Amino acid sequence: MIELALVLVGGYLLGSISGSLLLGRLRGVDIRTMGSGNAGGTNALRTVGWQFALGVVLIDVGKGAAAAGLLPLAAPWLSAEPLDFTTLAAAGGFTAVVGHVWPLYFRFRGGKGAGTAVGAIAVVAPWCLAPLLLVWLVTLIGTGYVGLATILAGLSLVPSMWMLGPAPLPNALAALAIALAVLLVYTHRANLARMRAGDENRFEKARLLKRR
């Protein structure tokens, strides 16, 4: 099982490369001290601007895709009987999300994992992308809450994985969908608390369905 261990560790180390914190150091800012304090694309957009946020998203999505798509390719060199690609890809993708949330290189204070999760899903379960993005967009347009949109999009992974995926669904993909959904709800728990208290910020420019 050495190949699984190396993919898990490699995914975590790759995920620990935080796009916002890496680019922030080059620019002389730490967005964890700005806005919501989250080291993710949404806070980067609100506090620094769209160009900075675009770079953050590209890095965060890219590392999720790399952890799921590139790390498992080394497995045949590590074991005479390596695990199947899907299992290794799901493992690497998930630990990349964990690394993004709790990055080793930045004192375990990272983002919420959505962008990195999208990158991993694009490799291991691309059929989930369309419903995920649809749920995210509809929720954002209807409510203006980015956090709520991300939570519901994450939860949509579970039914879309089963309904649109191969039959029988590999256990690794089933586990990945559930694990990512639970993790995204957990990392957005503060957003849920603020929504209950009525203090959550809305992305008003994206909120097209407003009450008159």
N, C-alpha and C. Protein backbone atom coordinates (compact mmCIF):
# COMPACT_ATOMS: atom_id res chain seq x y z
N MET A 1 0.82 -1.22 0.00
CA MET A 1 0.00 0.00 0.00
C MET A 1 0.86 1.27 0.00
N ILE A 2 2.15 1.10 -0.32
CA ILE A 2 3.03 2.27 -0.29
C ILE A 2 2.58 3.33 -1.28
N GLU A 3 2.02 2.90 -2.43
CA GLU A 3 1.60 3.89 -3.43
C GLU A 3 0.43 4.72 -2.91
N LEU A 4 -0.47 4.10 -2.15
CA LEU A 4 -1.60 4.85 -1.58
C LEU A 4 -1.09 5.87 -0.57
N ALA A 5 -0.17 5.45 0.28
CA ALA A 5 0.38 6.36 1.29
C ALA A 5 1.07 7.56 0.65
N LEU A 6 1.84 7.31 -0.40
CA LEU A 6 2.55 8.39 -1.07
C LEU A 6 1.59 9.33 -1.79
N VAL A 7 0.53 8.80 -2.38
CA VAL A 7 -0.47 9.64 -3.04
C VAL A 7 -1.21 10.49 -2.01
N LEU A 8 -1.54 9.89 -0.87
CA LEU A 8 -2.22 10.64 0.19
C LEU A 8 -1.35 11.79 0.69
N VAL A 9 -0.09 11.49 0.98
CA VAL A 9 0.82 12.52 1.48
C VAL A 9 1.11 13.55 0.39
N GLY A 10 1.36 13.07 -0.83
CA GLY A 10 1.63 13.99 -1.93
C GLY A 10 0.46 14.91 -2.21
N GLY A 11 -0.76 14.37 -2.13
CA GLY A 11 -1.94 15.20 -2.34
C GLY A 11 -2.05 16.28 -1.28
N TYR A 12 -1.77 15.91 -0.03
CA TYR A 12 -1.83 16.90 1.05
C TYR A 12 -0.79 17.99 0.87
N LEU A 13 0.43 17.61 0.54
CA LEU A 13 1.49 18.61 0.37
C LEU A 13 1.20 19.52 -0.82
N LEU A 14 0.65 18.95 -1.89
CA LEU A 14 0.29 19.77 -3.04
C LEU A 14 -0.86 20.70 -2.70
N GLY A 15 -1.83 20.17 -1.97
CA GLY A 15 -2.97 21.00 -1.56
C GLY A 15 -2.58 22.12 -0.62
N SER A 16 -1.48 21.94 0.11
CA SER A 16 -1.03 22.97 1.06
C SER A 16 -0.48 24.21 0.37
N ILE A 17 -0.28 24.13 -0.95
CA ILE A 17 0.17 25.31 -1.70
C ILE A 17 -1.06 26.19 -1.93
N SER A 18 -1.29 27.14 -1.06
CA SER A 18 -2.47 28.00 -1.13
C SER A 18 -2.27 29.12 -2.15
N GLY A 19 -3.18 29.18 -3.12
CA GLY A 19 -3.06 30.19 -4.16
C GLY A 19 -3.08 31.60 -3.62
N SER A 20 -4.03 31.90 -2.73
CA SER A 20 -4.16 33.27 -2.22
C SER A 20 -2.98 33.67 -1.35
N LEU A 21 -2.46 32.72 -0.57
CA LEU A 21 -1.36 33.06 0.32
C LEU A 21 -0.04 33.14 -0.44
N LEU A 22 0.13 32.28 -1.44
CA LEU A 22 1.33 32.34 -2.26
C LEU A 22 1.38 33.63 -3.06
N LEU A 23 0.29 33.96 -3.75
CA LEU A 23 0.25 35.20 -4.53
C LEU A 23 0.26 36.41 -3.61
N GLY A 24 -0.34 36.25 -2.42
CA GLY A 24 -0.35 37.35 -1.46
C GLY A 24 1.05 37.71 -0.99
N ARG A 25 1.89 36.70 -0.80
CA ARG A 25 3.27 36.98 -0.39
C ARG A 25 4.02 37.73 -1.48
N LEU A 26 3.75 37.37 -2.74
CA LEU A 26 4.40 38.08 -3.84
C LEU A 26 3.93 39.53 -3.92
N ARG A 27 2.69 39.75 -3.47
CA ARG A 27 2.12 41.09 -3.53
C ARG A 27 2.25 41.85 -2.22
N GLY A 28 2.69 41.16 -1.18
CA GLY A 28 2.88 41.81 0.11
C GLY A 28 1.61 41.95 0.92
N VAL A 29 0.63 41.05 0.70
CA VAL A 29 -0.60 41.10 1.47
C VAL A 29 -0.92 39.70 2.00
N ASP A 30 -1.68 39.66 3.06
CA ASP A 30 -2.18 38.40 3.61
C ASP A 30 -3.68 38.56 3.75
N ILE A 31 -4.44 37.91 2.86
CA ILE A 31 -5.88 38.15 2.86
C ILE A 31 -6.56 37.53 4.08
N ARG A 32 -5.83 36.75 4.88
CA ARG A 32 -6.40 36.26 6.13
C ARG A 32 -6.59 37.38 7.13
N THR A 33 -5.97 38.54 6.87
CA THR A 33 -6.15 39.71 7.73
C THR A 33 -7.10 40.72 7.09
N MET A 34 -7.75 40.33 6.00
CA MET A 34 -8.62 41.23 5.26
C MET A 34 -10.00 40.60 5.06
N GLY A 35 -11.01 41.44 4.96
CA GLY A 35 -12.36 40.96 4.68
C GLY A 35 -12.83 39.92 5.67
N SER A 36 -13.27 38.76 5.14
CA SER A 36 -13.78 37.68 5.99
C SER A 36 -12.66 36.92 6.69
N GLY A 37 -11.42 37.13 6.27
CA GLY A 37 -10.29 36.42 6.86
C GLY A 37 -10.04 35.06 6.25
N ASN A 38 -10.82 34.71 5.23
CA ASN A 38 -10.67 33.40 4.60
C ASN A 38 -9.68 33.48 3.45
N ALA A 39 -8.84 32.45 3.33
CA ALA A 39 -7.82 32.43 2.27
C ALA A 39 -8.37 31.72 1.04
N GLY A 40 -9.46 32.24 0.50
CA GLY A 40 -10.09 31.64 -0.66
C GLY A 40 -10.38 32.65 -1.75
N GLY A 41 -10.92 32.15 -2.86
CA GLY A 41 -11.15 32.99 -4.02
C GLY A 41 -12.16 34.10 -3.79
N THR A 42 -13.24 33.82 -3.04
CA THR A 42 -14.28 34.83 -2.82
C THR A 42 -13.74 36.02 -2.04
N ASN A 43 -13.01 35.75 -0.97
CA ASN A 43 -12.43 36.84 -0.18
C ASN A 43 -11.36 37.57 -0.98
N ALA A 44 -10.62 36.83 -1.82
CA ALA A 44 -9.62 37.47 -2.68
C ALA A 44 -10.28 38.43 -3.65
N LEU A 45 -11.43 38.04 -4.19
CA LEU A 45 -12.15 38.91 -5.12
C LEU A 45 -12.64 40.17 -4.43
N ARG A 46 -13.19 40.00 -3.26
CA ARG A 46 -13.77 41.14 -2.55
C ARG A 46 -12.72 42.11 -2.02
N THR A 47 -11.56 41.61 -1.66
CA THR A 47 -10.58 42.46 -0.99
C THR A 47 -9.44 42.94 -1.89
N VAL A 48 -9.07 42.15 -2.88
CA VAL A 48 -7.91 42.50 -3.70
C VAL A 48 -8.27 42.78 -5.15
N GLY A 49 -9.28 42.09 -5.68
CA GLY A 49 -9.68 42.35 -7.06
C GLY A 49 -9.75 41.09 -7.90
N TRP A 50 -10.36 41.22 -9.08
CA TRP A 50 -10.65 40.04 -9.90
C TRP A 50 -9.40 39.40 -10.49
N GLN A 51 -8.39 40.18 -10.82
CA GLN A 51 -7.18 39.60 -11.39
C GLN A 51 -6.46 38.72 -10.38
N PHE A 52 -6.34 39.21 -9.16
CA PHE A 52 -5.74 38.43 -8.08
C PHE A 52 -6.58 37.18 -7.82
N ALA A 53 -7.89 37.35 -7.75
CA ALA A 53 -8.79 36.23 -7.48
C ALA A 53 -8.72 35.18 -8.58
N LEU A 54 -8.58 35.61 -9.82
CA LEU A 54 -8.47 34.65 -10.93
C LEU A 54 -7.23 33.79 -10.78
N GLY A 55 -6.12 34.41 -10.41
CA GLY A 55 -4.90 33.65 -10.18
C GLY A 55 -5.05 32.66 -9.04
N VAL A 56 -5.75 33.09 -8.00
CA VAL A 56 -6.00 32.21 -6.85
C VAL A 56 -6.81 30.99 -7.28
N VAL A 57 -7.88 31.24 -8.02
CA VAL A 57 -8.76 30.15 -8.45
C VAL A 57 -8.01 29.18 -9.36
N LEU A 58 -7.21 29.69 -10.28
CA LEU A 58 -6.46 28.82 -11.19
C LEU A 58 -5.50 27.91 -10.43
N ILE A 59 -4.83 28.46 -9.43
CA ILE A 59 -3.91 27.65 -8.64
C ILE A 59 -4.67 26.61 -7.82
N ASP A 60 -5.75 27.04 -7.17
CA ASP A 60 -6.48 26.14 -6.28
C ASP A 60 -7.18 25.01 -7.04
N VAL A 61 -7.78 25.35 -8.18
CA VAL A 61 -8.42 24.31 -9.00
C VAL A 61 -7.35 23.41 -9.60
N GLY A 62 -6.26 24.03 -10.06
CA GLY A 62 -5.19 23.27 -10.70
C GLY A 62 -4.54 22.26 -9.79
N LYS A 63 -4.34 22.60 -8.53
CA LYS A 63 -3.68 21.65 -7.63
C LYS A 63 -4.59 20.47 -7.31
N GLY A 64 -5.91 20.72 -7.26
CA GLY A 64 -6.84 19.61 -7.07
C GLY A 64 -6.81 18.65 -8.24
N ALA A 65 -6.77 19.21 -9.45
CA ALA A 65 -6.71 18.38 -10.66
C ALA A 65 -5.38 17.63 -10.72
N ALA A 66 -4.30 18.30 -10.36
CA ALA A 66 -2.98 17.66 -10.40
C ALA A 66 -2.88 16.52 -9.39
N ALA A 67 -3.41 16.75 -8.19
CA ALA A 67 -3.35 15.71 -7.16
C ALA A 67 -4.14 14.48 -7.56
N ALA A 68 -5.27 14.70 -8.24
CA ALA A 68 -6.12 13.58 -8.66
C ALA A 68 -5.65 12.95 -9.97
N GLY A 69 -5.05 13.76 -10.84
CA GLY A 69 -4.72 13.26 -12.16
C GLY A 69 -3.28 12.87 -12.39
N LEU A 70 -2.35 13.53 -11.71
CA LEU A 70 -0.93 13.26 -11.97
C LEU A 70 -0.29 12.33 -10.95
N LEU A 71 -0.59 12.53 -9.68
CA LEU A 71 0.03 11.69 -8.65
C LEU A 71 -0.24 10.19 -8.85
N PRO A 72 -1.47 9.79 -9.21
CA PRO A 72 -1.72 8.35 -9.39
C PRO A 72 -0.93 7.73 -10.54
N LEU A 73 -0.45 8.55 -11.48
CA LEU A 73 0.30 8.00 -12.60
C LEU A 73 1.64 7.43 -12.17
N ALA A 74 2.11 7.83 -10.99
CA ALA A 74 3.39 7.31 -10.48
C ALA A 74 3.23 5.96 -9.81
N ALA A 75 1.99 5.54 -9.57
CA ALA A 75 1.75 4.30 -8.82
C ALA A 75 2.40 3.07 -9.44
N PRO A 76 2.35 2.88 -10.77
CA PRO A 76 2.99 1.67 -11.33
C PRO A 76 4.48 1.58 -11.04
N TRP A 77 5.12 2.70 -10.76
CA TRP A 77 6.56 2.70 -10.48
C TRP A 77 6.84 2.39 -9.02
N LEU A 78 5.79 2.41 -8.21
CA LEU A 78 5.98 2.23 -6.77
C LEU A 78 5.58 0.84 -6.29
N SER A 79 4.79 0.12 -7.08
CA SER A 79 4.31 -1.18 -6.63
C SER A 79 4.11 -2.09 -7.84
N ALA A 80 4.36 -3.37 -7.64
CA ALA A 80 4.14 -4.34 -8.72
C ALA A 80 2.65 -4.53 -8.99
N GLU A 81 1.81 -4.33 -7.95
CA GLU A 81 0.37 -4.46 -8.10
C GLU A 81 -0.30 -3.22 -7.51
N PRO A 82 -0.22 -2.09 -8.21
CA PRO A 82 -0.78 -0.84 -7.68
C PRO A 82 -2.30 -0.88 -7.64
N LEU A 83 -2.87 -0.05 -6.79
CA LEU A 83 -4.32 0.11 -6.75
C LEU A 83 -4.79 0.73 -8.05
N ASP A 84 -6.08 0.62 -8.32
CA ASP A 84 -6.61 1.17 -9.56
C ASP A 84 -6.54 2.70 -9.54
N PHE A 85 -6.54 3.28 -10.73
CA PHE A 85 -6.39 4.73 -10.87
C PHE A 85 -7.47 5.50 -10.12
N THR A 86 -8.72 5.03 -10.20
CA THR A 86 -9.83 5.75 -9.57
C THR A 86 -9.64 5.88 -8.07
N THR A 87 -9.23 4.81 -7.44
CA THR A 87 -9.01 4.84 -5.98
C THR A 87 -7.90 5.82 -5.62
N LEU A 88 -6.79 5.75 -6.35
CA LEU A 88 -5.67 6.65 -6.07
C LEU A 88 -6.03 8.10 -6.37
N ALA A 89 -6.77 8.32 -7.46
CA ALA A 89 -7.17 9.68 -7.83
C ALA A 89 -8.09 10.28 -6.77
N ALA A 90 -9.05 9.50 -6.30
CA ALA A 90 -9.97 9.99 -5.26
C ALA A 90 -9.21 10.30 -3.98
N ALA A 91 -8.25 9.45 -3.63
CA ALA A 91 -7.46 9.67 -2.42
C ALA A 91 -6.62 10.94 -2.53
N GLY A 92 -5.91 11.08 -3.65
CA GLY A 92 -5.08 12.27 -3.84
C GLY A 92 -5.90 13.54 -3.91
N GLY A 93 -7.04 13.48 -4.59
CA GLY A 93 -7.90 14.66 -4.69
C GLY A 93 -8.43 15.10 -3.34
N PHE A 94 -8.85 14.13 -2.52
CA PHE A 94 -9.40 14.49 -1.22
C PHE A 94 -8.35 15.08 -0.30
N THR A 95 -7.17 14.47 -0.26
CA THR A 95 -6.15 15.02 0.64
C THR A 95 -5.64 16.38 0.15
N ALA A 96 -5.76 16.65 -1.15
CA ALA A 96 -5.42 17.99 -1.64
C ALA A 96 -6.39 19.02 -1.07
N VAL A 97 -7.67 18.65 -0.98
CA VAL A 97 -8.66 19.55 -0.38
C VAL A 97 -8.35 19.75 1.10
N VAL A 98 -8.01 18.67 1.78
CA VAL A 98 -7.62 18.77 3.20
C VAL A 98 -6.41 19.69 3.36
N GLY A 99 -5.44 19.55 2.46
CA GLY A 99 -4.26 20.41 2.51
C GLY A 99 -4.60 21.87 2.28
N HIS A 100 -5.57 22.12 1.42
CA HIS A 100 -5.99 23.50 1.17
C HIS A 100 -6.62 24.11 2.42
N VAL A 101 -7.43 23.33 3.11
CA VAL A 101 -8.11 23.82 4.31
C VAL A 101 -7.14 23.99 5.47
N TRP A 102 -6.23 23.02 5.63
CA TRP A 102 -5.24 23.06 6.72
C TRP A 102 -3.84 22.94 6.12
N PRO A 103 -3.34 24.01 5.48
CA PRO A 103 -2.06 23.94 4.77
C PRO A 103 -0.85 23.86 5.70
N LEU A 104 0.00 22.91 5.42
CA LEU A 104 1.21 22.72 6.23
C LEU A 104 2.11 23.95 6.19
N TYR A 105 2.19 24.59 5.02
CA TYR A 105 3.15 25.68 4.83
C TYR A 105 2.66 27.02 5.40
N PHE A 106 1.39 27.10 5.79
CA PHE A 106 0.83 28.37 6.24
C PHE A 106 0.13 28.23 7.59
N ARG A 107 0.77 27.48 8.49
CA ARG A 107 0.31 27.33 9.87
C ARG A 107 -1.11 26.78 9.95
N PHE A 108 -1.48 25.94 9.01
CA PHE A 108 -2.75 25.22 9.00
C PHE A 108 -3.97 26.14 8.95
N ARG A 109 -3.78 27.33 8.39
CA ARG A 109 -4.90 28.27 8.20
C ARG A 109 -5.06 28.55 6.71
N GLY A 110 -6.00 27.87 6.09
CA GLY A 110 -6.19 28.00 4.66
C GLY A 110 -7.59 28.42 4.29
N GLY A 111 -8.03 27.96 3.13
CA GLY A 111 -9.35 28.31 2.63
C GLY A 111 -10.39 27.26 2.98
N LYS A 112 -11.47 27.23 2.22
CA LYS A 112 -12.59 26.34 2.55
C LYS A 112 -12.68 25.13 1.63
N GLY A 113 -11.82 25.07 0.62
CA GLY A 113 -11.68 23.84 -0.15
C GLY A 113 -12.50 23.69 -1.40
N ALA A 114 -13.37 24.65 -1.71
CA ALA A 114 -14.29 24.47 -2.84
C ALA A 114 -13.56 24.40 -4.18
N GLY A 115 -12.66 25.33 -4.43
CA GLY A 115 -11.95 25.35 -5.70
C GLY A 115 -11.12 24.10 -5.92
N THR A 116 -10.42 23.66 -4.89
CA THR A 116 -9.61 22.46 -5.00
C THR A 116 -10.49 21.23 -5.21
N ALA A 117 -11.65 21.21 -4.57
CA ALA A 117 -12.59 20.10 -4.76
C ALA A 117 -13.08 20.05 -6.21
N VAL A 118 -13.34 21.20 -6.79
CA VAL A 118 -13.78 21.25 -8.20
C VAL A 118 -12.69 20.67 -9.11
N GLY A 119 -11.44 21.01 -8.84
CA GLY A 119 -10.34 20.47 -9.64
C GLY A 119 -10.26 18.96 -9.55
N ALA A 120 -10.42 18.42 -8.35
CA ALA A 120 -10.37 16.97 -8.17
C ALA A 120 -11.55 16.29 -8.86
N ILE A 121 -12.73 16.86 -8.72
CA ILE A 121 -13.93 16.29 -9.35
C ILE A 121 -13.83 16.32 -10.86
N ALA A 122 -13.20 17.35 -11.40
CA ALA A 122 -13.04 17.45 -12.86
C ALA A 122 -12.27 16.28 -13.42
N VAL A 123 -11.40 15.69 -12.60
CA VAL A 123 -10.60 14.54 -13.04
C VAL A 123 -11.30 13.23 -12.77
N VAL A 124 -11.79 13.04 -11.55
CA VAL A 124 -12.31 11.73 -11.16
C VAL A 124 -13.79 11.52 -11.51
N ALA A 125 -14.56 12.60 -11.58
CA ALA A 125 -16.00 12.47 -11.85
C ALA A 125 -16.50 13.69 -12.62
N PRO A 126 -16.05 13.88 -13.85
CA PRO A 126 -16.43 15.08 -14.61
C PRO A 126 -17.93 15.21 -14.85
N TRP A 127 -18.68 14.11 -14.78
CA TRP A 127 -20.13 14.17 -14.96
C TRP A 127 -20.83 14.93 -13.83
N CYS A 128 -20.13 15.13 -12.73
CA CYS A 128 -20.71 15.88 -11.60
C CYS A 128 -20.56 17.38 -11.76
N LEU A 129 -19.72 17.84 -12.69
CA LEU A 129 -19.44 19.27 -12.79
C LEU A 129 -20.66 20.08 -13.20
N ALA A 130 -21.39 19.61 -14.21
CA ALA A 130 -22.55 20.38 -14.70
C ALA A 130 -23.61 20.58 -13.61
N PRO A 131 -24.07 19.52 -12.92
CA PRO A 131 -25.04 19.76 -11.85
C PRO A 131 -24.48 20.58 -10.70
N LEU A 132 -23.20 20.38 -10.39
CA LEU A 132 -22.57 21.16 -9.32
C LEU A 132 -22.60 22.65 -9.65
N LEU A 133 -22.18 23.01 -10.86
CA LEU A 133 -22.15 24.41 -11.26
C LEU A 133 -23.55 24.98 -11.39
N LEU A 134 -24.50 24.15 -11.85
CA LEU A 134 -25.88 24.62 -11.98
C LEU A 134 -26.47 24.96 -10.62
N VAL A 135 -26.29 24.07 -9.64
CA VAL A 135 -26.79 24.33 -8.29
C VAL A 135 -26.14 25.57 -7.72
N TRP A 136 -24.84 25.71 -7.92
CA TRP A 136 -24.11 26.88 -7.40
C TRP A 136 -24.64 28.18 -8.00
N LEU A 137 -24.81 28.20 -9.31
CA LEU A 137 -25.27 29.41 -9.98
C LEU A 137 -26.71 29.77 -9.61
N VAL A 138 -27.59 28.79 -9.60
CA VAL A 138 -28.99 29.06 -9.27
C VAL A 138 -29.11 29.59 -7.84
N THR A 139 -28.38 28.99 -6.92
CA THR A 139 -28.44 29.45 -5.53
C THR A 139 -27.86 30.86 -5.39
N LEU A 140 -26.74 31.11 -6.06
CA LEU A 140 -26.12 32.43 -5.98
C LEU A 140 -27.03 33.50 -6.58
N ILE A 141 -27.59 33.21 -7.74
CA ILE A 141 -28.48 34.18 -8.40
C ILE A 141 -29.73 34.43 -7.56
N GLY A 142 -30.22 33.37 -6.92
CA GLY A 142 -31.45 33.51 -6.15
C GLY A 142 -31.27 34.14 -4.79
N THR A 143 -30.12 33.92 -4.15
CA THR A 143 -29.94 34.39 -2.77
C THR A 143 -28.82 35.40 -2.59
N GLY A 144 -27.80 35.33 -3.44
CA GLY A 144 -26.65 36.20 -3.27
C GLY A 144 -25.65 35.68 -2.25
N TYR A 145 -25.92 34.52 -1.66
CA TYR A 145 -25.03 33.95 -0.65
C TYR A 145 -24.05 32.97 -1.31
N VAL A 146 -22.78 33.34 -1.37
CA VAL A 146 -21.77 32.47 -1.97
C VAL A 146 -21.58 31.21 -1.13
N GLY A 147 -21.57 31.38 0.20
CA GLY A 147 -21.37 30.24 1.08
C GLY A 147 -22.48 29.21 0.94
N LEU A 148 -23.72 29.67 0.91
CA LEU A 148 -24.85 28.76 0.76
C LEU A 148 -24.79 28.06 -0.59
N ALA A 149 -24.43 28.80 -1.63
CA ALA A 149 -24.31 28.21 -2.96
C ALA A 149 -23.26 27.10 -2.97
N THR A 150 -22.15 27.33 -2.29
CA THR A 150 -21.09 26.33 -2.24
C THR A 150 -21.51 25.11 -1.45
N ILE A 151 -22.20 25.31 -0.35
CA ILE A 151 -22.67 24.18 0.46
C ILE A 151 -23.63 23.30 -0.33
N LEU A 152 -24.61 23.92 -0.99
CA LEU A 152 -25.60 23.14 -1.74
C LEU A 152 -24.96 22.46 -2.94
N ALA A 153 -24.00 23.15 -3.57
CA ALA A 153 -23.29 22.53 -4.68
C ALA A 153 -22.51 21.31 -4.20
N GLY A 154 -21.87 21.43 -3.05
CA GLY A 154 -21.14 20.30 -2.49
C GLY A 154 -22.07 19.13 -2.17
N LEU A 155 -23.23 19.42 -1.60
CA LEU A 155 -24.18 18.36 -1.29
C LEU A 155 -24.72 17.70 -2.55
N SER A 156 -24.77 18.46 -3.65
CA SER A 156 -25.28 17.89 -4.91
C SER A 156 -24.34 16.82 -5.46
N LEU A 157 -23.10 16.78 -4.97
CA LEU A 157 -22.17 15.76 -5.43
C LEU A 157 -22.67 14.35 -5.15
N VAL A 158 -23.35 14.19 -4.03
CA VAL A 158 -23.77 12.84 -3.62
C VAL A 158 -24.80 12.26 -4.58
N PRO A 159 -25.94 12.94 -4.83
CA PRO A 159 -26.89 12.35 -5.78
C PRO A 159 -26.37 12.29 -7.21
N SER A 160 -25.64 13.32 -7.64
CA SER A 160 -25.15 13.31 -9.02
C SER A 160 -24.11 12.23 -9.24
N MET A 161 -23.32 11.92 -8.21
CA MET A 161 -22.33 10.87 -8.33
C MET A 161 -23.01 9.53 -8.59
N TRP A 162 -24.10 9.26 -7.85
CA TRP A 162 -24.81 7.99 -8.01
C TRP A 162 -25.67 7.96 -9.27
N MET A 163 -26.37 9.06 -9.53
CA MET A 163 -27.34 9.05 -10.64
C MET A 163 -26.69 9.13 -12.01
N LEU A 164 -25.56 9.83 -12.10
CA LEU A 164 -24.93 10.06 -13.40
C LEU A 164 -23.66 9.25 -13.60
N GLY A 165 -23.15 8.66 -12.55
CA GLY A 165 -21.89 7.92 -12.63
C GLY A 165 -22.07 6.51 -13.16
N PRO A 166 -20.97 5.79 -13.29
CA PRO A 166 -21.02 4.42 -13.80
C PRO A 166 -21.71 3.49 -12.82
N ALA A 167 -22.27 2.42 -13.34
CA ALA A 167 -22.89 1.41 -12.49
C ALA A 167 -22.16 0.08 -12.69
N PRO A 168 -21.71 -0.54 -11.62
CA PRO A 168 -21.82 -0.07 -10.23
C PRO A 168 -20.81 1.04 -9.95
N LEU A 169 -21.19 1.94 -9.06
CA LEU A 169 -20.31 3.05 -8.72
C LEU A 169 -19.14 2.56 -7.87
N PRO A 170 -17.89 2.88 -8.25
CA PRO A 170 -16.74 2.49 -7.43
C PRO A 170 -16.85 3.04 -6.01
N ASN A 171 -16.46 2.23 -5.05
CA ASN A 171 -16.54 2.65 -3.65
C ASN A 171 -15.74 3.92 -3.39
N ALA A 172 -14.63 4.09 -4.10
CA ALA A 172 -13.79 5.27 -3.89
C ALA A 172 -14.53 6.55 -4.27
N LEU A 173 -15.33 6.49 -5.34
CA LEU A 173 -16.07 7.68 -5.77
C LEU A 173 -17.23 7.97 -4.82
N ALA A 174 -17.88 6.93 -4.35
CA ALA A 174 -18.96 7.12 -3.37
C ALA A 174 -18.41 7.77 -2.10
N ALA A 175 -17.28 7.26 -1.63
CA ALA A 175 -16.67 7.81 -0.42
C ALA A 175 -16.22 9.25 -0.64
N LEU A 176 -15.67 9.54 -1.83
CA LEU A 176 -15.20 10.89 -2.12
C LEU A 176 -16.35 11.89 -2.12
N ALA A 177 -17.46 11.54 -2.75
CA ALA A 177 -18.61 12.44 -2.80
C ALA A 177 -19.11 12.77 -1.41
N ILE A 178 -19.26 11.75 -0.57
CA ILE A 178 -19.75 11.98 0.79
C ILE A 178 -18.75 12.78 1.60
N ALA A 179 -17.47 12.44 1.50
CA ALA A 179 -16.44 13.13 2.28
C ALA A 179 -16.34 14.60 1.90
N LEU A 180 -16.39 14.90 0.60
CA LEU A 180 -16.31 16.29 0.16
C LEU A 180 -17.55 17.07 0.60
N ALA A 181 -18.72 16.46 0.49
CA ALA A 181 -19.94 17.15 0.91
C ALA A 181 -19.89 17.49 2.40
N VAL A 182 -19.47 16.53 3.22
CA VAL A 182 -19.38 16.77 4.66
C VAL A 182 -18.33 17.83 4.97
N LEU A 183 -17.18 17.76 4.30
CA LEU A 183 -16.11 18.71 4.56
C LEU A 183 -16.51 20.13 4.17
N LEU A 184 -17.20 20.28 3.05
CA LEU A 184 -17.62 21.62 2.61
C LEU A 184 -18.67 22.22 3.55
N VAL A 185 -19.56 21.40 4.07
CA VAL A 185 -20.50 21.90 5.07
C VAL A 185 -19.74 22.34 6.32
N TYR A 186 -18.76 21.54 6.73
CA TYR A 186 -17.98 21.87 7.92
C TYR A 186 -17.19 23.17 7.74
N THR A 187 -16.54 23.34 6.60
CA THR A 187 -15.71 24.54 6.41
C THR A 187 -16.56 25.80 6.23
N HIS A 188 -17.85 25.62 5.92
CA HIS A 188 -18.74 26.78 5.76
C HIS A 188 -19.68 26.93 6.96
N ARG A 189 -19.36 26.31 8.07
CA ARG A 189 -20.24 26.38 9.24
C ARG A 189 -20.39 27.80 9.76
N ALA A 190 -19.34 28.62 9.63
CA ALA A 190 -19.44 30.01 10.08
C ALA A 190 -20.41 30.78 9.18
N ASN A 191 -20.42 30.46 7.89
CA ASN A 191 -21.37 31.10 6.98
C ASN A 191 -22.81 30.77 7.39
N LEU A 192 -23.05 29.51 7.74
CA LEU A 192 -24.39 29.10 8.16
C LEU A 192 -24.80 29.83 9.44
N ALA A 193 -23.85 29.99 10.36
CA ALA A 193 -24.15 30.70 11.61
C ALA A 193 -24.50 32.16 11.34
N ARG A 194 -23.76 32.78 10.42
CA ARG A 194 -24.04 34.18 10.09
C ARG A 194 -25.38 34.33 9.37
N MET A 195 -25.72 33.35 8.54
CA MET A 195 -27.02 33.41 7.86
C MET A 195 -28.16 33.30 8.87
N ARG A 196 -28.00 32.42 9.85
CA ARG A 196 -29.03 32.30 10.88
C ARG A 196 -29.16 33.59 11.69
N ALA A 197 -28.03 34.27 11.90
CA ALA A 197 -28.04 35.52 12.66
C ALA A 197 -28.41 36.72 11.80
N GLY A 198 -28.47 36.52 10.49
CA GLY A 198 -28.79 37.63 9.58
C GLY A 198 -27.62 38.53 9.30
N ASP A 199 -26.38 38.04 9.53
CA ASP A 199 -25.19 38.87 9.36
C ASP A 199 -24.35 38.50 8.14
N GLU A 200 -24.78 37.51 7.37
CA GLU A 200 -23.98 37.06 6.25
C GLU A 200 -24.03 38.07 5.10
N ASN A 201 -22.85 38.37 4.53
CA ASN A 201 -22.79 39.28 3.40
C ASN A 201 -23.35 38.62 2.15
N ARG A 202 -24.06 39.41 1.34
CA ARG A 202 -24.57 38.94 0.06
C ARG A 202 -23.71 39.48 -1.06
N PHE A 203 -23.59 38.70 -2.11
CA PHE A 203 -22.94 39.15 -3.33
C PHE A 203 -24.03 39.76 -4.20
N GLU A 204 -24.33 41.04 -3.94
CA GLU A 204 -25.50 41.67 -4.54
C GLU A 204 -25.43 41.77 -6.05
N LYS A 205 -24.24 41.91 -6.62
CA LYS A 205 -24.13 42.01 -8.07
C LYS A 205 -24.56 40.74 -8.77
N ALA A 206 -24.43 39.60 -8.08
CA ALA A 206 -24.81 38.32 -8.66
C ALA A 206 -26.25 37.96 -8.35
N ARG A 207 -26.86 38.67 -7.42
CA ARG A 207 -28.21 38.34 -7.00
C ARG A 207 -29.23 38.99 -7.94
N LEU A 208 -29.67 38.24 -8.92
CA LEU A 208 -30.58 38.77 -9.93
C LEU A 208 -32.03 38.72 -9.49
N LEU A 209 -32.36 37.76 -8.63
CA LEU A 209 -33.74 37.60 -8.17
C LEU A 209 -33.89 38.31 -6.84
N LYS A 210 -34.24 39.60 -6.89
CA LYS A 210 -34.37 40.39 -5.68
C LYS A 210 -35.84 40.69 -5.41
N ARG A 211 -36.14 40.75 -4.13
CA ARG A 211 -37.51 41.11 -3.76
C ARG A 211 -37.74 42.59 -4.01
N ARG A 212 -38.89 42.89 -4.55
CA ARG A 212 -39.24 44.29 -4.82
C ARG A 212 -39.76 44.97 -3.56
